[in-house]
Amino acid sequence: MAILMHKLFRKNIWLLLVSSQVIYGQHNDYPIQPVAFTQVHLKDNFWTPKMKVNAEVTIPYTLNQCKITGRIDNFYRASGNCRQIK
C-alpha cells in the first residue's frame, strides 16, 4: 500500500510541476508575461482610490459584521476549535 501511495504521490507531483510550467511558464512569443503579484504597484487615479476605500472602509466593516453575526465563530466550530467562541 505504501509503495502504491508513493508512486501516486510522485506521479501527482510530476503532473503538478508540468502543468504549472504550462500555465505559468514564460512564453517568448507572447507579448504579455506573468509577474508576481508583489511586483504589481498601481499608481493611477482610477484603481488606487478604490483600493484605498476597500482597505480602509469596506474590509474592516465586512470583517466586523462577520464577527457581530457569528460568521467567524462558525469557522472556529468547523475547525473543531470552540475555545475562541464567545
PDB file of N, CA and C in Angstrom:
ATOM      1  N   MET A   1       0.824  -1.196   0.000  1.00  0.00           N
ATOM      2  CA  MET A   1       0.000   0.000   0.000  1.00  0.00           C
ATOM      3  C   MET A   1       0.867   1.257   0.000  1.00  0.00           C
ATOM      4  N   ALA A   2       1.922   1.242   0.817  1.00  0.00           N
ATOM      5  CA  ALA A   2       2.798   2.408   0.904  1.00  0.00           C
ATOM      6  C   ALA A   2       3.498   2.660  -0.426  1.00  0.00           C
ATOM      7  N   ILE A   3       3.883   1.591  -1.113  1.00  0.00           N
ATOM      8  CA  ILE A   3       4.552   1.741  -2.413  1.00  0.00           C
ATOM      9  C   ILE A   3       3.601   2.354  -3.421  1.00  0.00           C
ATOM     10  N   LEU A   4       2.354   1.902  -3.429  1.00  0.00           N
ATOM     11  CA  LEU A   4       1.350   2.451  -4.336  1.00  0.00           C
ATOM     12  C   LEU A   4       1.110   3.931  -4.044  1.00  0.00           C
ATOM     13  N   MET A   5       1.013   4.286  -2.774  1.00  0.00           N
ATOM     14  CA  MET A   5       0.804   5.685  -2.408  1.00  0.00           C
ATOM     15  C   MET A   5       2.003   6.535  -2.829  1.00  0.00           C
ATOM     16  N   HIS A   6       3.208   5.984  -2.656  1.00  0.00           N
ATOM     17  CA  HIS A   6       4.417   6.709  -3.047  1.00  0.00           C
ATOM     18  C   HIS A   6       4.436   6.949  -4.552  1.00  0.00           C
ATOM     19  N   LYS A   7       4.053   5.934  -5.331  1.00  0.00           N
ATOM     20  CA  LYS A   7       4.019   6.075  -6.794  1.00  0.00           C
ATOM     21  C   LYS A   7       2.974   7.113  -7.209  1.00  0.00           C
ATOM     22  N   LEU A   8       1.805   7.075  -6.580  1.00  0.00           N
ATOM     23  CA  LEU A   8       0.758   8.052  -6.897  1.00  0.00           C
ATOM     24  C   LEU A   8       1.212   9.459  -6.522  1.00  0.00           C
ATOM     25  N   PHE A   9       1.869   9.584  -5.393  1.00  0.00           N
ATOM     26  CA  PHE A   9       2.364  10.884  -4.963  1.00  0.00           C
ATOM     27  C   PHE A   9       3.381  11.426  -5.958  1.00  0.00           C
ATOM     28  N   ARG A  10       4.339  10.597  -6.353  1.00  0.00           N
ATOM     29  CA  ARG A  10       5.350  11.031  -7.317  1.00  0.00           C
ATOM     30  C   ARG A  10       4.716  11.415  -8.643  1.00  0.00           C
ATOM     31  N   LYS A  11       3.731  10.643  -9.081  1.00  0.00           N
ATOM     32  CA  LYS A  11       3.059  10.942 -10.348  1.00  0.00           C
ATOM     33  C   LYS A  11       2.313  12.271 -10.250  1.00  0.00           C
ATOM     34  N   ASN A  12       1.626  12.502  -9.133  1.00  0.00           N
ATOM     35  CA  ASN A  12       0.878  13.749  -8.961  1.00  0.00           C
ATOM     36  C   ASN A  12       1.805  14.949  -8.878  1.00  0.00           C
ATOM     37  N   ILE A  13       2.943  14.792  -8.196  1.00  0.00           N
ATOM     38  CA  ILE A  13       3.910  15.894  -8.127  1.00  0.00           C
ATOM     39  C   ILE A  13       4.431  16.211  -9.521  1.00  0.00           C
ATOM     40  N   TRP A  14       4.740  15.185 -10.288  1.00  0.00           N
ATOM     41  CA  TRP A  14       5.231  15.389 -11.648  1.00  0.00           C
ATOM     42  C   TRP A  14       4.188  16.114 -12.493  1.00  0.00           C
ATOM     43  N   LEU A  15       2.928  15.694 -12.404  1.00  0.00           N
ATOM     44  CA  LEU A  15       1.861  16.355 -13.159  1.00  0.00           C
ATOM     45  C   LEU A  15       1.699  17.805 -12.725  1.00  0.00           C
ATOM     46  N   LEU A  16       1.810  18.049 -11.448  1.00  0.00           N
ATOM     47  CA  LEU A  16       1.704  19.411 -10.935  1.00  0.00           C
ATOM     48  C   LEU A  16       2.819  20.289 -11.488  1.00  0.00           C
ATOM     49  N   LEU A  17       4.038  19.775 -11.478  1.00  0.00           N
ATOM     50  CA  LEU A  17       5.163  20.549 -11.987  1.00  0.00           C
ATOM     51  C   LEU A  17       5.026  20.826 -13.477  1.00  0.00           C
ATOM     52  N   VAL A  18       4.612  19.820 -14.233  1.00  0.00           N
ATOM     53  CA  VAL A  18       4.458  20.001 -15.678  1.00  0.00           C
ATOM     54  C   VAL A  18       3.333  20.985 -15.973  1.00  0.00           C
ATOM     55  N   SER A  19       2.208  20.826 -15.292  1.00  0.00           N
ATOM     56  CA  SER A  19       1.079  21.719 -15.563  1.00  0.00           C
ATOM     57  C   SER A  19       1.389  23.148 -15.139  1.00  0.00           C
ATOM     58  N   SER A  20       2.144  23.329 -14.062  1.00  0.00           N
ATOM     59  CA  SER A  20       2.473  24.695 -13.646  1.00  0.00           C
ATOM     60  C   SER A  20       3.397  25.355 -14.657  1.00  0.00           C
ATOM     61  N   GLN A  21       4.255  24.605 -15.293  1.00  0.00           N
ATOM     62  CA  GLN A  21       5.114  25.175 -16.321  1.00  0.00           C
ATOM     63  C   GLN A  21       4.293  25.580 -17.536  1.00  0.00           C
ATOM     64  N   VAL A  22       3.273  24.805 -17.847  1.00  0.00           N
ATOM     65  CA  VAL A  22       2.421  25.133 -18.987  1.00  0.00           C
ATOM     66  C   VAL A  22       1.611  26.390 -18.698  1.00  0.00           C
ATOM     67  N   ILE A  23       1.065  26.479 -17.495  1.00  0.00           N
ATOM     68  CA  ILE A  23       0.202  27.607 -17.151  1.00  0.00           C
ATOM     69  C   ILE A  23       1.016  28.868 -16.866  1.00  0.00           C
ATOM     70  N   TYR A  24       2.093  28.744 -16.068  1.00  0.00           N
ATOM     71  CA  TYR A  24       2.810  29.910 -15.596  1.00  0.00           C
ATOM     72  C   TYR A  24       4.167  30.118 -16.261  1.00  0.00           C
ATOM     73  N   GLY A  25       4.532  29.232 -17.173  1.00  0.00           N
ATOM     74  CA  GLY A  25       5.831  29.348 -17.802  1.00  0.00           C
ATOM     75  C   GLY A  25       5.918  30.558 -18.710  1.00  0.00           C
ATOM     76  N   GLN A  26       7.135  30.973 -18.973  1.00  0.00           N
ATOM     77  CA  GLN A  26       7.358  32.109 -19.851  1.00  0.00           C
ATOM     78  C   GLN A  26       7.162  31.676 -21.302  1.00  0.00           C
ATOM     79  N   HIS A  27       6.456  32.483 -22.037  1.00  0.00           N
ATOM     80  CA  HIS A  27       6.249  32.246 -23.463  1.00  0.00           C
ATOM     81  C   HIS A  27       6.845  33.434 -24.203  1.00  0.00           C
ATOM     82  N   ASN A  28       7.956  33.213 -24.863  1.00  0.00           N
ATOM     83  CA  ASN A  28       8.665  34.309 -25.504  1.00  0.00           C
ATOM     84  C   ASN A  28       7.916  34.908 -26.682  1.00  0.00           C
ATOM     85  N   ASP A  29       7.012  34.146 -27.273  1.00  0.00           N
ATOM     86  CA  ASP A  29       6.309  34.668 -28.442  1.00  0.00           C
ATOM     87  C   ASP A  29       5.033  35.428 -28.065  1.00  0.00           C
ATOM     88  N   TYR A  30       4.739  35.530 -26.797  1.00  0.00           N
ATOM     89  CA  TYR A  30       3.536  36.229 -26.338  1.00  0.00           C
ATOM     90  C   TYR A  30       3.957  37.559 -25.724  1.00  0.00           C
ATOM     91  N   PRO A  31       3.339  38.668 -26.099  1.00  0.00           N
ATOM     92  CA  PRO A  31       3.814  39.979 -25.643  1.00  0.00           C
ATOM     93  C   PRO A  31       3.577  40.273 -24.160  1.00  0.00           C
ATOM     94  N   ILE A  32       2.651  39.577 -23.524  1.00  0.00           N
ATOM     95  CA  ILE A  32       2.354  39.821 -22.120  1.00  0.00           C
ATOM     96  C   ILE A  32       2.912  38.664 -21.305  1.00  0.00           C
ATOM     97  N   GLN A  33       3.738  38.974 -20.314  1.00  0.00           N
ATOM     98  CA  GLN A  33       4.372  37.955 -19.491  1.00  0.00           C
ATOM     99  C   GLN A  33       3.845  38.040 -18.055  1.00  0.00           C
ATOM    100  N   PRO A  34       3.715  36.889 -17.380  1.00  0.00           N
ATOM    101  CA  PRO A  34       3.246  36.912 -15.991  1.00  0.00           C
ATOM    102  C   PRO A  34       4.298  37.502 -15.059  1.00  0.00           C
ATOM    103  N   VAL A  35       3.823  38.142 -13.998  1.00  0.00           N
ATOM    104  CA  VAL A  35       4.700  38.654 -12.952  1.00  0.00           C
ATOM    105  C   VAL A  35       4.094  38.289 -11.599  1.00  0.00           C
ATOM    106  N   ALA A  36       4.905  38.274 -10.579  1.00  0.00           N
ATOM    107  CA  ALA A  36       4.412  38.012  -9.230  1.00  0.00           C
ATOM    108  C   ALA A  36       3.545  39.187  -8.780  1.00  0.00           C
ATOM    109  N   PHE A  37       2.513  38.905  -8.016  1.00  0.00           N
ATOM    110  CA  PHE A  37       1.609  39.987  -7.591  1.00  0.00           C
ATOM    111  C   PHE A  37       2.317  41.016  -6.722  1.00  0.00           C
ATOM    112  N   THR A  38       3.411  40.634  -6.083  1.00  0.00           N
ATOM    113  CA  THR A  38       4.156  41.585  -5.258  1.00  0.00           C
ATOM    114  C   THR A  38       4.906  42.604  -6.107  1.00  0.00           C
ATOM    115  N   GLN A  39       5.026  42.341  -7.386  1.00  0.00           N
ATOM    116  CA  GLN A  39       5.692  43.277  -8.283  1.00  0.00           C
ATOM    117  C   GLN A  39       4.715  44.278  -8.908  1.00  0.00           C
ATOM    118  N   VAL A  40       3.445  44.107  -8.628  1.00  0.00           N
ATOM    119  CA  VAL A  40       2.429  44.976  -9.224  1.00  0.00           C
ATOM    120  C   VAL A  40       2.133  46.129  -8.276  1.00  0.00           C
ATOM    121  N   HIS A  41       2.282  47.338  -8.758  1.00  0.00           N
ATOM    122  CA  HIS A  41       2.001  48.544  -7.976  1.00  0.00           C
ATOM    123  C   HIS A  41       1.152  49.474  -8.843  1.00  0.00           C
ATOM    124  N   LEU A  42      -0.047  49.779  -8.374  1.00  0.00           N
ATOM    125  CA  LEU A  42      -0.934  50.660  -9.123  1.00  0.00           C
ATOM    126  C   LEU A  42      -0.774  52.088  -8.631  1.00  0.00           C
ATOM    127  N   LYS A  43      -0.542  52.974  -9.567  1.00  0.00           N
ATOM    128  CA  LYS A  43      -0.398  54.401  -9.246  1.00  0.00           C
ATOM    129  C   LYS A  43      -1.192  55.192 -10.272  1.00  0.00           C
ATOM    130  N   ASP A  44      -2.500  55.127 -10.148  1.00  0.00           N
ATOM    131  CA  ASP A  44      -3.341  55.850 -11.092  1.00  0.00           C
ATOM    132  C   ASP A  44      -4.506  56.483 -10.342  1.00  0.00           C
ATOM    133  N   ASN A  45      -5.337  57.195 -11.059  1.00  0.00           N
ATOM    134  CA  ASN A  45      -6.471  57.884 -10.435  1.00  0.00           C
ATOM    135  C   ASN A  45      -7.755  57.080 -10.480  1.00  0.00           C
ATOM    136  N   PHE A  46      -7.695  55.862 -11.017  1.00  0.00           N
ATOM    137  CA  PHE A  46      -8.900  55.041 -11.064  1.00  0.00           C
ATOM    138  C   PHE A  46      -8.874  53.957  -9.985  1.00  0.00           C
ATOM    139  N   TRP A  47      -7.889  53.057 -10.028  1.00  0.00           N
ATOM    140  CA  TRP A  47      -7.867  51.925  -9.107  1.00  0.00           C
ATOM    141  C   TRP A  47      -7.344  52.279  -7.717  1.00  0.00           C
ATOM    142  N   THR A  48      -6.389  53.157  -7.620  1.00  0.00           N
ATOM    143  CA  THR A  48      -5.789  53.461  -6.321  1.00  0.00           C
ATOM    144  C   THR A  48      -6.817  53.957  -5.295  1.00  0.00           C
ATOM    145  N   PRO A  49      -7.697  54.912  -5.637  1.00  0.00           N
ATOM    146  CA  PRO A  49      -8.712  55.326  -4.645  1.00  0.00           C
ATOM    147  C   PRO A  49      -9.668  54.200  -4.252  1.00  0.00           C
ATOM    148  N   LYS A  50     -10.027  53.362  -5.206  1.00  0.00           N
ATOM    149  CA  LYS A  50     -10.930  52.246  -4.911  1.00  0.00           C
ATOM    150  C   LYS A  50     -10.267  51.241  -3.975  1.00  0.00           C
ATOM    151  N   MET A  51      -8.988  50.963  -4.215  1.00  0.00           N
ATOM    152  CA  MET A  51      -8.262  50.040  -3.352  1.00  0.00           C
ATOM    153  C   MET A  51      -8.103  50.618  -1.947  1.00  0.00           C
ATOM    154  N   LYS A  52      -7.917  51.915  -1.847  1.00  0.00           N
ATOM    155  CA  LYS A  52      -7.789  52.575  -0.544  1.00  0.00           C
ATOM    156  C   LYS A  52      -9.095  52.468   0.242  1.00  0.00           C
ATOM    157  N   VAL A  53     -10.228  52.711  -0.421  1.00  0.00           N
ATOM    158  CA  VAL A  53     -11.534  52.583   0.240  1.00  0.00           C
ATOM    159  C   VAL A  53     -11.758  51.148   0.698  1.00  0.00           C
ATOM    160  N   ASN A  54     -11.405  50.177  -0.148  1.00  0.00           N
ATOM    161  CA  ASN A  54     -11.555  48.775   0.246  1.00  0.00           C
ATOM    162  C   ASN A  54     -10.725  48.459   1.482  1.00  0.00           C
ATOM    163  N   ALA A  55      -9.466  48.908   1.484  1.00  0.00           N
ATOM    164  CA  ALA A  55      -8.565  48.596   2.591  1.00  0.00           C
ATOM    165  C   ALA A  55      -8.962  49.304   3.880  1.00  0.00           C
ATOM    166  N   GLU A  56      -9.433  50.534   3.776  1.00  0.00           N
ATOM    167  CA  GLU A  56      -9.697  51.331   4.971  1.00  0.00           C
ATOM    168  C   GLU A  56     -11.142  51.273   5.461  1.00  0.00           C
ATOM    169  N   VAL A  57     -12.092  50.976   4.569  1.00  0.00           N
ATOM    170  CA  VAL A  57     -13.500  51.024   4.964  1.00  0.00           C
ATOM    171  C   VAL A  57     -14.203  49.678   4.751  1.00  0.00           C
ATOM    172  N   THR A  58     -14.220  49.199   3.522  1.00  0.00           N
ATOM    173  CA  THR A  58     -15.028  48.030   3.177  1.00  0.00           C
ATOM    174  C   THR A  58     -14.587  46.774   3.916  1.00  0.00           C
ATOM    175  N   ILE A  59     -13.302  46.454   3.873  1.00  0.00           N
ATOM    176  CA  ILE A  59     -12.833  45.217   4.502  1.00  0.00           C
ATOM    177  C   ILE A  59     -12.999  45.258   6.020  1.00  0.00           C
ATOM    178  N   PRO A  60     -12.594  46.328   6.719  1.00  0.00           N
ATOM    179  CA  PRO A  60     -12.838  46.350   8.172  1.00  0.00           C
ATOM    180  C   PRO A  60     -14.325  46.269   8.540  1.00  0.00           C
ATOM    181  N   TYR A  61     -15.173  46.959   7.773  1.00  0.00           N
ATOM    182  CA  TYR A  61     -16.611  46.912   8.057  1.00  0.00           C
ATOM    183  C   TYR A  61     -17.147  45.490   7.875  1.00  0.00           C
ATOM    184  N   THR A  62     -16.772  44.851   6.774  1.00  0.00           N
ATOM    185  CA  THR A  62     -17.246  43.499   6.492  1.00  0.00           C
ATOM    186  C   THR A  62     -16.743  42.514   7.533  1.00  0.00           C
ATOM    187  N   LEU A  63     -15.482  42.623   7.924  1.00  0.00           N
ATOM    188  CA  LEU A  63     -14.940  41.742   8.955  1.00  0.00           C
ATOM    189  C   LEU A  63     -15.665  41.941  10.277  1.00  0.00           C
ATOM    190  N   ASN A  64     -15.955  43.177  10.635  1.00  0.00           N
ATOM    191  CA  ASN A  64     -16.698  43.450  11.864  1.00  0.00           C
ATOM    192  C   ASN A  64     -18.099  42.850  11.805  1.00  0.00           C
ATOM    193  N   GLN A  65     -18.762  42.967  10.676  1.00  0.00           N
ATOM    194  CA  GLN A  65     -20.094  42.367  10.527  1.00  0.00           C
ATOM    195  C   GLN A  65     -20.029  40.849  10.663  1.00  0.00           C
ATOM    196  N   CYS A  66     -18.966  40.248  10.135  1.00  0.00           N
ATOM    197  CA  CYS A  66     -18.792  38.794  10.266  1.00  0.00           C
ATOM    198  C   CYS A  66     -18.620  38.408  11.732  1.00  0.00           C
ATOM    199  N   LYS A  67     -17.905  39.235  12.497  1.00  0.00           N
ATOM    200  CA  LYS A  67     -17.738  38.962  13.929  1.00  0.00           C
ATOM    201  C   LYS A  67     -19.055  39.140  14.673  1.00  0.00           C
ATOM    202  N   ILE A  68     -19.776  40.234  14.385  1.00  0.00           N
ATOM    203  CA  ILE A  68     -21.033  40.531  15.075  1.00  0.00           C
ATOM    204  C   ILE A  68     -22.077  39.443  14.835  1.00  0.00           C
ATOM    205  N   THR A  69     -22.182  38.964  13.603  1.00  0.00           N
ATOM    206  CA  THR A  69     -23.221  37.997  13.248  1.00  0.00           C
ATOM    207  C   THR A  69     -22.832  36.547  13.530  1.00  0.00           C
ATOM    208  N   GLY A  70     -21.590  36.328  13.997  1.00  0.00           N
ATOM    209  CA  GLY A  70     -21.188  34.966  14.352  1.00  0.00           C
ATOM    210  C   GLY A  70     -20.596  34.158  13.212  1.00  0.00           C
ATOM    211  N   ARG A  71     -20.356  34.760  12.088  1.00  0.00           N
ATOM    212  CA  ARG A  71     -19.782  34.014  10.965  1.00  0.00           C
ATOM    213  C   ARG A  71     -18.367  33.533  11.282  1.00  0.00           C
ATOM    214  N   ILE A  72     -17.595  34.349  11.967  1.00  0.00           N
ATOM    215  CA  ILE A  72     -16.232  33.948  12.336  1.00  0.00           C
ATOM    216  C   ILE A  72     -16.290  32.754  13.283  1.00  0.00           C
ATOM    217  N   ASP A  73     -17.229  32.781  14.235  1.00  0.00           N
ATOM    218  CA  ASP A  73     -17.385  31.653  15.158  1.00  0.00           C
ATOM    219  C   ASP A  73     -17.696  30.362  14.411  1.00  0.00           C
ATOM    220  N   ASN A  74     -18.418  30.454  13.306  1.00  0.00           N
ATOM    221  CA  ASN A  74     -18.712  29.250  12.526  1.00  0.00           C
ATOM    222  C   ASN A  74     -17.441  28.620  11.968  1.00  0.00           C
ATOM    223  N   PHE A  75     -16.460  29.432  11.617  1.00  0.00           N
ATOM    224  CA  PHE A  75     -15.185  28.878  11.152  1.00  0.00           C
ATOM    225  C   PHE A  75     -14.480  28.141  12.284  1.00  0.00           C
ATOM    226  N   TYR A  76     -14.536  28.713  13.497  1.00  0.00           N
ATOM    227  CA  TYR A  76     -13.949  28.022  14.645  1.00  0.00           C
ATOM    228  C   TYR A  76     -14.664  26.703  14.900  1.00  0.00           C
ATOM    229  N   ARG A  77     -15.996  26.713  14.822  1.00  0.00           N
ATOM    230  CA  ARG A  77     -16.754  25.475  15.017  1.00  0.00           C
ATOM    231  C   ARG A  77     -16.374  24.432  13.967  1.00  0.00           C
ATOM    232  N   ALA A  78     -16.281  24.855  12.726  1.00  0.00           N
ATOM    233  CA  ALA A  78     -15.945  23.930  11.640  1.00  0.00           C
ATOM    234  C   ALA A  78     -14.556  23.344  11.828  1.00  0.00           C
ATOM    235  N   SER A  79     -13.639  24.109  12.428  1.00  0.00           N
ATOM    236  CA  SER A  79     -12.285  23.614  12.629  1.00  0.00           C
ATOM    237  C   SER A  79     -12.177  22.752  13.889  1.00  0.00           C
ATOM    238  N   GLY A  80     -13.234  22.721  14.686  1.00  0.00           N
ATOM    239  CA  GLY A  80     -13.187  21.995  15.927  1.00  0.00           C
ATOM    240  C   GLY A  80     -12.556  22.779  17.067  1.00  0.00           C
ATOM    241  N   ASN A  81     -12.289  24.049  16.839  1.00  0.00           N
ATOM    242  CA  ASN A  81     -11.642  24.917  17.831  1.00  0.00           C
ATOM    243  C   ASN A  81     -12.717  25.797  18.466  1.00  0.00           C
ATOM    244  N   CYS A  82     -13.428  25.284  19.412  1.00  0.00           N
ATOM    245  CA  CYS A  82     -14.551  26.024  20.006  1.00  0.00           C
ATOM    246  C   CYS A  82     -14.110  26.935  21.144  1.00  0.00           C
ATOM    247  N   ARG A  83     -12.833  26.921  21.545  1.00  0.00           N
ATOM    248  CA  ARG A  83     -12.384  27.766  22.654  1.00  0.00           C
ATOM    249  C   ARG A  83     -12.451  29.242  22.326  1.00  0.00           C
ATOM    250  N   GLN A  84     -12.448  29.613  21.032  1.00  0.00           N
ATOM    251  CA  GLN A  84     -12.460  31.021  20.631  1.00  0.00           C
ATOM    252  C   GLN A  84     -13.864  31.609  20.599  1.00  0.00           C
ATOM    253  N   ILE A  85     -14.867  30.759  20.646  1.00  0.00           N
ATOM    254  CA  ILE A  85     -16.253  31.229  20.542  1.00  0.00           C
ATOM    255  C   ILE A  85     -16.665  31.917  21.831  1.00  0.00           C
ATOM    256  N   LYS A  86     -17.350  33.069  21.676  1.00  0.00           N
ATOM    257  CA  LYS A  86     -17.797  33.871  22.826  1.00  0.00           C
ATOM    258  C   LYS A  86     -18.792  33.105  23.663  1.00  0.00           C
TER     259      LYS A  86
END
